[in-house]
Amino acid sequence: MGQIEKRVADLMEMFADADVSAQSIITPMLTEVAFMERRLATLRELPMIEVHPNNLSKQRPTQAARQYRETMQQYNACIKTLLGATTRGATEEASPLRDYLNMLKVENTL
C-alpha cells in the first residue's frame, strides 16, 4: 500500500463516525487531501526563492513557491469543508476527529 493510500485509509477511519449525509462530501475529498499533503511535502523540499546571480538583493519566488501557495490554499479549503461537514449538528462533546481537524486548521493558517 502506497503512502497516499495509507493516508486515505487513516483519514477514512477518522471520518467513519461522520453523518451519513456528509459522507458524499467527505469520501472523495479524502483522496485529494492525502494527495495534497504529499505534494506539499515534496514542494517544501524545493528552493522557494531565486536570487539574481549578479545582484543578491534581487529575489523572486520560484515556481515551486507559487505551486506551494496554490496547493496550500486548496488544501485549506478542503480542510474547512471537511471540518464544516463534520461539525454541522454536532454536540458540545469533543471528538478526536474534531480535535485533529482543528489542529490541522491552526497549523495550516500559520
Protein backbone atom coordinates (compact mmCIF):
# COMPACT_ATOMS: atom_id res chain seq x y z
CA MET A 1 0.00 0.00 0.00
CA GLY A 2 1.41 3.38 -1.03
CA GLN A 3 1.72 6.40 1.22
CA ILE A 4 -1.32 8.13 -0.25
CA GLU A 5 -3.49 5.02 0.04
CA LYS A 6 -2.39 4.54 3.66
CA ARG A 7 -3.16 8.19 4.45
CA VAL A 8 -6.60 7.87 2.80
CA ALA A 9 -7.30 4.78 4.90
CA ASP A 10 -6.27 6.67 8.05
CA LEU A 11 -8.48 9.63 7.11
CA MET A 12 -11.43 7.35 6.31
CA GLU A 13 -11.08 5.81 9.74
CA MET A 14 -11.13 9.28 11.30
CA PHE A 15 -14.29 10.20 9.39
CA ALA A 16 -16.06 6.87 9.91
CA ASP A 17 -18.37 8.40 12.51
CA ALA A 18 -19.36 11.38 10.34
CA ASP A 19 -23.00 11.88 9.43
CA VAL A 20 -24.13 9.62 6.57
CA SER A 21 -25.30 12.60 4.52
CA ALA A 22 -21.83 14.19 4.88
CA GLN A 23 -20.10 11.06 3.56
CA SER A 24 -20.86 12.04 -0.05
CA ILE A 25 -18.76 15.17 0.50
CA ILE A 26 -16.11 13.65 2.72
CA THR A 27 -15.16 10.46 0.88
CA PRO A 28 -13.96 11.97 -2.44
CA MET A 29 -12.14 14.77 -0.65
CA LEU A 30 -10.03 12.41 1.43
CA THR A 31 -8.04 11.24 -1.59
CA GLU A 32 -7.49 14.85 -2.62
CA VAL A 33 -6.37 15.83 0.88
CA ALA A 34 -3.89 12.94 1.04
CA PHE A 35 -2.54 13.82 -2.42
CA MET A 36 -2.16 17.49 -1.46
CA GLU A 37 -0.37 16.59 1.78
CA ARG A 38 2.15 14.53 -0.20
CA ARG A 39 2.54 17.28 -2.82
CA LEU A 40 3.09 19.95 -0.16
CA ALA A 41 5.78 17.82 1.50
CA THR A 42 7.56 17.45 -1.85
CA LEU A 43 7.30 21.17 -2.63
CA ARG A 44 8.68 22.11 0.81
CA GLU A 45 11.96 20.40 -0.13
CA LEU A 46 12.46 22.63 -3.17
CA PRO A 47 14.01 26.12 -3.23
CA MET A 48 11.36 28.81 -2.72
CA ILE A 49 13.37 31.88 -3.75
CA GLU A 50 15.52 32.61 -6.79
CA VAL A 51 18.37 35.05 -6.25
CA HIS A 52 19.82 37.02 -9.17
CA PRO A 53 23.46 35.91 -9.60
CA ASN A 54 24.79 39.46 -10.11
CA ASN A 55 22.56 41.32 -7.65
CA LEU A 56 21.79 39.43 -4.46
CA SER A 57 19.13 41.95 -3.46
CA LYS A 58 17.00 40.89 -6.44
CA GLN A 59 14.94 37.91 -5.40
CA ARG A 60 11.73 36.33 -6.63
CA PRO A 61 9.63 33.32 -5.72
CA THR A 62 10.26 30.13 -7.64
CA GLN A 63 7.61 28.12 -9.46
CA ALA A 64 7.71 25.71 -6.52
CA ALA A 65 6.79 28.55 -4.15
CA ARG A 66 3.84 29.52 -6.33
CA GLN A 67 2.66 25.92 -6.56
CA TYR A 68 3.07 25.51 -2.81
CA ARG A 69 0.93 28.59 -2.14
CA GLU A 70 -1.80 27.46 -4.56
CA THR A 71 -1.83 23.89 -3.22
CA MET A 72 -1.94 25.15 0.37
CA GLN A 73 -4.96 27.32 -0.45
CA GLN A 74 -6.74 24.32 -1.96
CA TYR A 75 -5.74 22.15 1.00
CA ASN A 76 -7.08 24.71 3.48
CA ALA A 77 -10.36 24.92 1.54
CA CYS A 78 -10.72 21.13 1.68
CA ILE A 79 -9.96 21.05 5.41
CA LYS A 80 -12.55 23.78 6.04
CA THR A 81 -15.12 21.84 4.02
CA LEU A 82 -14.35 18.62 5.89
CA LEU A 83 -14.47 20.42 9.21
CA GLY A 84 -17.79 22.01 8.28
CA ALA A 85 -19.23 18.69 7.17
CA THR A 86 -18.36 17.08 10.47
CA THR A 87 -19.42 19.92 12.78
CA ARG A 88 -22.94 20.59 11.46
CA GLY A 89 -25.38 19.41 14.05
CA ALA A 90 -22.54 18.35 16.32
CA THR A 91 -22.99 18.12 20.03
CA GLU A 92 -20.90 20.04 22.52
CA GLU A 93 -18.92 16.89 23.25
CA ALA A 94 -15.37 16.99 21.84
CA SER A 95 -14.35 14.21 19.49
CA PRO A 96 -10.84 13.10 18.50
CA LEU A 97 -11.67 13.79 14.85
CA ARG A 98 -12.81 17.34 15.56
CA ASP A 99 -9.72 17.95 17.70
CA TYR A 100 -7.47 16.70 14.88
CA LEU A 101 -9.19 18.85 12.25
CA ASN A 102 -8.97 21.91 14.50
CA MET A 103 -5.26 21.22 14.95
CA LEU A 104 -4.79 21.00 11.16
CA LYS A 105 -6.72 24.22 10.70
CA VAL A 106 -4.46 26.05 13.16
CA GLU A 107 -1.24 24.59 11.71
CA ASN A 108 -2.15 25.46 8.14
CA THR A 109 -3.16 29.03 8.82
CA LEU A 110 0.23 29.99 10.26
